[in-house]
Protein backbone atom coordinates (compact mmCIF):
# COMPACT_ATOMS: atom_id res chain seq x y z
CA VAL A 1 19.43 184.70 103.72
CA GLY A 2 22.63 182.33 103.17
CA GLY A 3 25.62 182.87 105.33
CA LEU A 4 27.97 179.83 106.18
CA PRO A 5 26.98 177.35 109.04
CA ASP A 6 28.54 178.15 113.12
CA GLY A 7 31.63 177.02 113.54
CA THR A 8 32.55 177.53 109.67
CA VAL A 9 35.97 179.17 108.70
CA ASP A 10 36.35 181.60 105.88
CA GLY A 11 39.13 183.18 104.19
CA ASP A 12 38.24 186.57 106.16
CA THR A 13 38.62 184.71 109.64
CA LEU A 14 42.71 183.39 108.51
CA ALA A 15 45.23 186.09 109.43
CA SER A 16 46.85 187.89 106.67
CA GLY A 17 49.34 185.94 104.71
CA VAL A 18 47.92 182.63 105.00
CA GLY A 19 49.15 180.89 101.99
CA GLY A 20 48.91 177.58 100.31
CA LYS A 21 46.03 178.45 98.23
CA VAL A 22 45.32 176.24 95.61
CA LEU A 23 44.96 178.91 91.97
CA GLN A 24 44.01 176.02 89.81
CA VAL A 25 44.01 172.34 89.03
CA ILE A 26 44.14 170.36 86.01
CA SER A 27 44.19 166.79 85.82
CA THR A 28 44.62 164.17 82.78
CA TYR A 29 41.97 160.84 83.69
CA SER A 30 42.95 157.79 81.63
CA GLY A 31 39.88 154.80 81.85
CA SER A 32 41.06 153.17 78.67
CA ALA A 33 43.22 149.98 78.79
CA SER A 34 46.26 149.69 76.67
CA THR A 35 49.87 148.17 76.29
CA GLN A 36 53.50 149.63 75.83
CA SER A 37 56.90 148.61 75.18
CA VAL A 38 59.88 150.04 77.66
CA THR A 39 63.29 149.42 76.63
CA ILE A 40 65.71 148.17 79.24
CA ALA A 41 67.56 151.82 81.10
CA THR A 42 65.18 154.24 78.94
CA ASN A 43 63.02 156.71 80.40
CA THR A 44 60.03 156.27 78.78
CA ALA A 45 56.03 158.20 79.46
CA ILE A 46 53.42 155.89 80.20
CA THR A 47 50.65 156.31 77.41
CA GLY A 48 47.76 158.65 78.48
CA LEU A 49 49.65 160.20 81.38
CA SER A 50 50.59 163.73 81.15
CA VAL A 51 48.73 167.06 81.84
CA SER A 52 49.74 170.63 80.77
CA ILE A 53 49.51 173.90 83.08
CA THR A 54 50.35 177.26 82.82
CA PRO A 55 51.18 178.76 86.31
CA SER A 56 49.80 182.44 86.98
CA SER A 57 53.38 183.28 88.64
CA THR A 58 56.89 182.25 88.77
CA SER A 59 56.55 182.00 92.83
CA SER A 60 53.97 179.21 92.60
CA LYS A 61 54.57 175.41 93.33
CA ILE A 62 53.23 172.96 91.21
CA LEU A 63 51.72 169.79 93.14
CA VAL A 64 51.89 166.60 90.99
CA SER A 65 49.79 163.77 92.10
CA VAL A 66 50.14 160.35 90.09
CA ARG A 67 47.88 157.16 90.17
CA TRP A 68 48.60 154.60 87.90
CA CYS A 69 47.47 150.82 87.66
CA GLY A 70 48.07 148.14 85.52
CA GLU A 71 50.81 145.31 85.33
CA THR A 72 54.46 145.43 84.01
CA ALA A 73 55.69 141.77 82.70
CA ASN A 74 58.85 141.95 84.97
CA TYR A 75 57.13 143.58 88.03
CA GLN A 76 60.06 143.75 89.85
CA ASP A 77 62.06 145.52 87.37
CA GLY A 78 60.83 149.30 87.06
CA ILE A 79 60.45 152.66 89.08
CA PHE A 80 58.28 155.21 87.83
CA GLY A 81 59.11 158.81 88.10
CA LEU A 82 58.34 162.21 86.60
CA GLN A 83 59.17 164.25 83.65
CA ARG A 84 59.01 168.01 83.06
CA GLY A 85 59.19 168.94 79.51
CA VAL A 86 62.25 166.68 78.56
CA THR A 87 63.82 167.15 82.18
CA ARG A 88 63.41 164.20 84.97
CA ILE A 89 62.22 165.51 88.37
CA GLY A 90 62.11 163.97 92.18
CA ASP A 91 64.39 161.16 91.24
CA ALA A 92 66.16 159.77 94.28
CA THR A 93 69.76 161.12 94.72
CA ALA A 94 72.14 159.86 92.19
CA ALA A 95 74.40 156.31 93.75
CA GLY A 96 76.73 154.21 91.25
CA SER A 97 74.80 153.10 87.92
CA ARG A 98 71.55 152.20 89.80
CA PHE A 99 68.62 153.75 88.06
CA LEU A 100 66.45 156.48 89.90
CA GLY A 101 62.66 157.32 90.37
CA ILE A 102 60.38 158.21 92.62
CA HIS A 103 58.63 155.06 93.35
CA VAL A 104 58.32 151.26 92.51
CA GLY A 105 55.10 149.87 91.74
CA ALA A 106 52.97 148.25 94.93
CA VAL A 107 52.80 144.63 93.52
CA SER A 108 49.55 143.09 94.63
CA PHE A 109 50.25 139.40 93.62
CA SER A 110 53.17 139.08 92.03
CA ALA A 111 52.19 135.50 90.69
CA ASN A 112 48.86 136.53 89.68
CA ASN A 113 48.82 138.15 86.27
CA SER A 114 45.22 137.67 85.34
CA SER A 115 43.58 139.16 88.43
CA THR A 116 45.15 141.03 90.48
CA MET A 117 46.53 144.53 88.89
CA ASP A 118 49.68 146.84 90.55
CA THR A 119 49.49 150.21 91.69
CA ALA A 120 52.08 153.08 91.64
CA ILE A 121 50.74 156.31 93.77
CA PHE A 122 52.79 159.72 94.45
CA ASP A 123 53.06 163.22 94.90
CA PHE A 124 55.77 165.74 94.29
CA ILE A 125 55.92 169.43 94.48
CA ASP A 126 57.59 171.25 91.51
CA ALA A 127 59.18 174.44 91.53
CA PRO A 128 59.09 175.50 87.82
CA ALA A 129 59.22 179.53 88.51
CA SER A 130 57.88 179.83 85.03
CA THR A 131 54.69 181.77 83.65
CA SER A 132 54.72 179.52 80.43
CA ALA A 133 53.03 176.38 79.72
CA ILE A 134 54.67 173.34 81.21
CA SER A 135 53.74 169.69 80.61
CA TYR A 136 54.24 166.84 83.57
CA SER A 137 54.18 163.48 82.49
CA MET A 138 54.28 159.61 84.52
CA MET A 139 57.46 157.96 83.23
CA ILE A 140 58.88 154.41 84.06
CA ARG A 141 62.10 153.42 83.77
CA ALA A 142 62.68 149.45 83.50
CA GLY A 143 65.25 147.26 83.94
CA ALA A 144 64.61 144.90 81.96
CA THR A 145 62.77 145.01 78.08
CA GLN A 146 59.48 144.40 78.82
CA THR A 147 55.72 144.92 77.95
CA VAL A 148 53.82 147.74 80.46
CA TYR A 149 49.84 147.02 81.02
CA ASN A 150 47.56 150.45 81.76
CA ASN A 151 44.32 149.94 83.67
CA ARG A 152 44.65 146.15 82.99
CA THR A 153 45.97 142.96 83.86
CA VAL A 154 48.95 141.14 81.74
CA THR A 155 45.96 138.23 80.31
CA ASP A 156 43.28 140.97 80.47
CA ALA A 157 40.70 137.82 80.52
CA ASP A 158 37.07 138.97 79.44
CA ASN A 159 35.46 137.39 83.25
CA SER A 160 34.07 138.22 85.86
CA THR A 161 37.05 137.83 88.23
CA THR A 162 39.50 140.01 85.68
CA PRO A 163 39.68 143.74 86.97
CA ARG A 164 40.17 146.87 84.78
CA GLY A 165 41.24 150.07 86.50
CA THR A 166 41.76 153.87 85.93
CA SER A 167 44.76 156.22 85.86
CA SER A 168 45.18 159.70 86.36
CA ILE A 169 47.76 162.60 86.73
CA THR A 170 46.63 165.91 88.48
CA VAL A 171 48.63 169.39 88.83
CA MET A 172 47.79 171.80 91.09
CA GLU A 173 49.34 175.37 91.15
CA LEU A 174 49.82 176.51 94.56
CA GLU A 175 50.21 180.01 95.80
CA SER A 176 52.89 179.11 98.26
CA ALA A 177 54.60 176.44 99.73
CA THR A 178 57.22 174.90 101.98
CA VAL A 179 59.58 172.10 100.68
CA THR A 180 62.23 170.39 102.76
CA THR A 181 64.88 168.60 101.03
CA THR A 182 66.64 165.81 103.04
């Protein structure tokens, strides 16, 4: 009785020392629409997109996956990133006075602020070397003072052609992971 179907690979079949096991997964899901002000050249946490995890080992890696939808008032003037506690992580290599991050928002249709939302989706593997609680937050750094519209369009009209969406941030503690930086 029971057992796995033929062809299924289980943990006993894998070679010893095979790493990459997911030890825990924690996620924050945001289905609420909101707006927030962002000041030029300031790192601002996106409302509702933070999550905390307590790693079980100092050698664990944390895979952070972020998915945001919404709009910014000046869609071309912002970049998204991550913060661990109060420290920015994963940013591009510094180059002059440019503002840094991980991902720009993908603009769905820039001239239409009533029926198309933009997105930012990215992952980052962190090596915090800690067994204390760690908080991760999605951030935006804007090149202009503006309003960010989370999970909604700018106009947010109440009709059948204006969408609302969801956003999330998920952390996975990995027993091991190899990251190559170029």
